[in-house]
């Protein structure tokens, strides 16, 4: 098996993932996963597709991610890893799809409109 390359997106974060056979090392922007994502919840989000398919020690994963915040980046990586696992083995789709991991979350920040304070909030109204 050669390297599988997939892209995942969430909000403004874009993650490029390279999956190859290995011992289970995950490198994010040339740093270890534990150093890049310090909280356990974000580490779990990244590893979720691997845990569900019992592949935590099967693949080495190299990630380039930019844009957005840490949560958006973690979810972008999760989507990319899920897509790579499905390409490697089509049977993983039956496990990952019910968990909602194959769906790209389309929610984005709504833009600010002119004449308003924020996207929905208005400036304070004064009658007199």
Protein backbone atom coordinates (compact mmCIF):
# COMPACT_ATOMS: atom_id res chain seq x y z
CA UNK A 1 0.00 0.00 0.00
CA UNK A 2 1.36 3.39 -0.97
CA UNK A 3 0.48 6.71 0.69
CA UNK A 4 -3.18 7.81 0.55
CA UNK A 5 -3.75 11.58 0.36
CA UNK A 6 -7.08 13.15 1.42
CA UNK A 7 -8.36 16.63 2.32
CA UNK A 8 -10.78 17.56 5.10
CA UNK A 9 -12.36 20.96 5.81
CA UNK A 10 -14.25 22.53 8.71
CA UNK A 11 -15.14 26.26 8.93
CA UNK A 12 -11.96 27.89 7.59
CA UNK A 13 -9.58 25.05 8.56
CA UNK A 14 -8.11 22.86 5.81
CA UNK A 15 -6.30 19.60 6.61
CA UNK A 16 -4.21 17.56 4.19
CA UNK A 17 -3.65 14.01 5.44
CA UNK A 18 -1.12 11.43 4.21
CA UNK A 19 -1.85 7.90 5.47
CA UNK A 20 0.65 5.06 5.05
CA UNK A 21 1.35 1.69 6.72
CA UNK A 22 3.19 2.10 10.03
CA UNK A 23 3.12 1.86 13.80
CA UNK A 24 0.43 4.43 14.65
CA UNK A 25 2.41 7.69 14.71
CA UNK A 26 0.35 10.86 14.08
CA UNK A 27 2.32 13.99 13.16
CA UNK A 28 0.52 17.35 12.84
CA UNK A 29 2.50 20.20 11.23
CA UNK A 30 5.80 18.37 12.00
CA UNK A 31 4.83 18.10 15.69
CA UNK A 32 3.54 15.14 17.69
CA UNK A 33 -0.25 14.90 18.15
CA UNK A 34 0.04 15.32 21.95
CA UNK A 35 2.09 18.52 21.54
CA UNK A 36 -0.18 20.07 18.89
CA UNK A 37 -3.56 19.27 20.51
CA UNK A 38 -3.06 19.60 24.27
CA UNK A 39 -6.60 18.68 25.45
CA UNK A 40 -7.76 15.07 25.57
CA UNK A 41 -11.06 15.88 23.82
CA UNK A 42 -9.28 17.26 20.73
CA UNK A 43 -6.90 14.28 20.67
CA UNK A 44 -9.92 11.95 20.82
CA UNK A 45 -11.60 13.82 17.94
CA UNK A 46 -8.56 13.26 15.73
CA UNK A 47 -8.24 9.57 16.69
CA UNK A 48 -12.00 8.77 16.62
CA UNK A 49 -12.11 7.17 13.13
CA UNK A 50 -9.04 5.06 13.97
CA UNK A 51 -10.56 3.90 17.27
CA UNK A 52 -13.90 2.96 15.66
CA UNK A 53 -12.15 0.86 12.96
CA UNK A 54 -9.50 -0.64 15.33
CA UNK A 55 -6.60 0.86 13.33
CA UNK A 56 -4.78 2.85 16.04
CA UNK A 57 -1.49 0.94 15.52
CA UNK A 58 -1.85 0.17 11.78
CA UNK A 59 -1.10 3.47 10.02
CA UNK A 60 1.36 6.38 10.22
CA UNK A 61 -0.45 9.67 9.59
CA UNK A 62 1.23 12.91 8.51
CA UNK A 63 -1.00 16.02 8.62
CA UNK A 64 -0.60 19.55 7.26
CA UNK A 65 -3.33 21.81 8.64
CA UNK A 66 -3.87 25.57 8.50
CA UNK A 67 -6.63 28.12 9.08
CA UNK A 68 -9.32 28.31 11.74
CA UNK A 69 -9.00 27.48 15.42
CA UNK A 70 -7.90 24.32 17.19
CA UNK A 71 -11.37 22.72 17.27
CA UNK A 72 -12.00 23.39 13.58
CA UNK A 73 -8.57 22.00 12.75
CA UNK A 74 -9.19 18.83 14.79
CA UNK A 75 -12.52 18.23 13.05
CA UNK A 76 -10.97 18.87 9.62
CA UNK A 77 -8.28 16.28 10.39
CA UNK A 78 -10.96 13.83 11.56
CA UNK A 79 -12.85 14.17 8.26
CA UNK A 80 -9.68 13.70 6.20
CA UNK A 81 -8.62 10.59 8.15
CA UNK A 82 -12.13 9.15 7.77
CA UNK A 83 -12.05 9.68 4.00
CA UNK A 84 -8.61 8.05 3.79
CA UNK A 85 -9.72 5.00 5.80
CA UNK A 86 -12.76 4.53 3.54
CA UNK A 87 -10.51 4.65 0.45
CA UNK A 88 -8.13 2.08 1.99
CA UNK A 89 -10.96 -0.31 2.94
CA UNK A 90 -14.54 0.20 1.74
CA UNK A 91 -15.88 -1.91 4.67
CA UNK A 92 -14.98 0.90 7.12
CA UNK A 93 -17.78 2.98 5.60
CA UNK A 94 -20.43 0.84 7.36
CA UNK A 95 -18.88 1.71 10.75
CA UNK A 96 -18.03 5.39 10.14
CA UNK A 97 -21.15 6.63 8.31
CA UNK A 98 -23.65 6.01 11.19
CA UNK A 99 -21.34 8.04 13.47
CA UNK A 100 -21.64 11.00 11.06
CA UNK A 101 -17.90 11.14 10.36
CA UNK A 102 -18.23 11.11 6.56
CA UNK A 103 -20.39 14.24 6.49
CA UNK A 104 -18.71 17.61 5.85
CA UNK A 105 -20.16 20.12 8.34
CA UNK A 106 -21.29 23.06 6.14
CA UNK A 107 -21.77 25.61 8.94
CA UNK A 108 -19.67 28.74 8.45
CA UNK A 109 -19.49 32.11 10.18
CA UNK A 110 -22.17 34.46 8.83
CA UNK A 111 -20.73 37.63 7.35
CA UNK A 112 -21.15 41.06 8.95
CA UNK A 113 -23.59 43.33 7.09
CA UNK A 114 -23.08 47.07 6.59
CA UNK A 115 -25.25 49.33 8.76
CA UNK A 116 -25.21 46.69 11.52
CA UNK A 117 -22.96 45.99 14.50
CA UNK A 118 -22.46 42.28 13.66
CA UNK A 119 -24.10 39.68 11.39
CA UNK A 120 -27.50 39.84 13.14
CA UNK A 121 -27.00 42.41 15.92
CA UNK A 122 -28.07 45.97 15.12
CA UNK A 123 -26.81 49.27 16.45
CA UNK A 124 -28.79 50.60 19.44
CA UNK A 125 -32.01 52.30 18.31
CA UNK A 126 -32.77 55.76 19.67
CA UNK A 127 -36.27 57.17 19.16
CA UNK A 128 -35.22 60.74 20.18
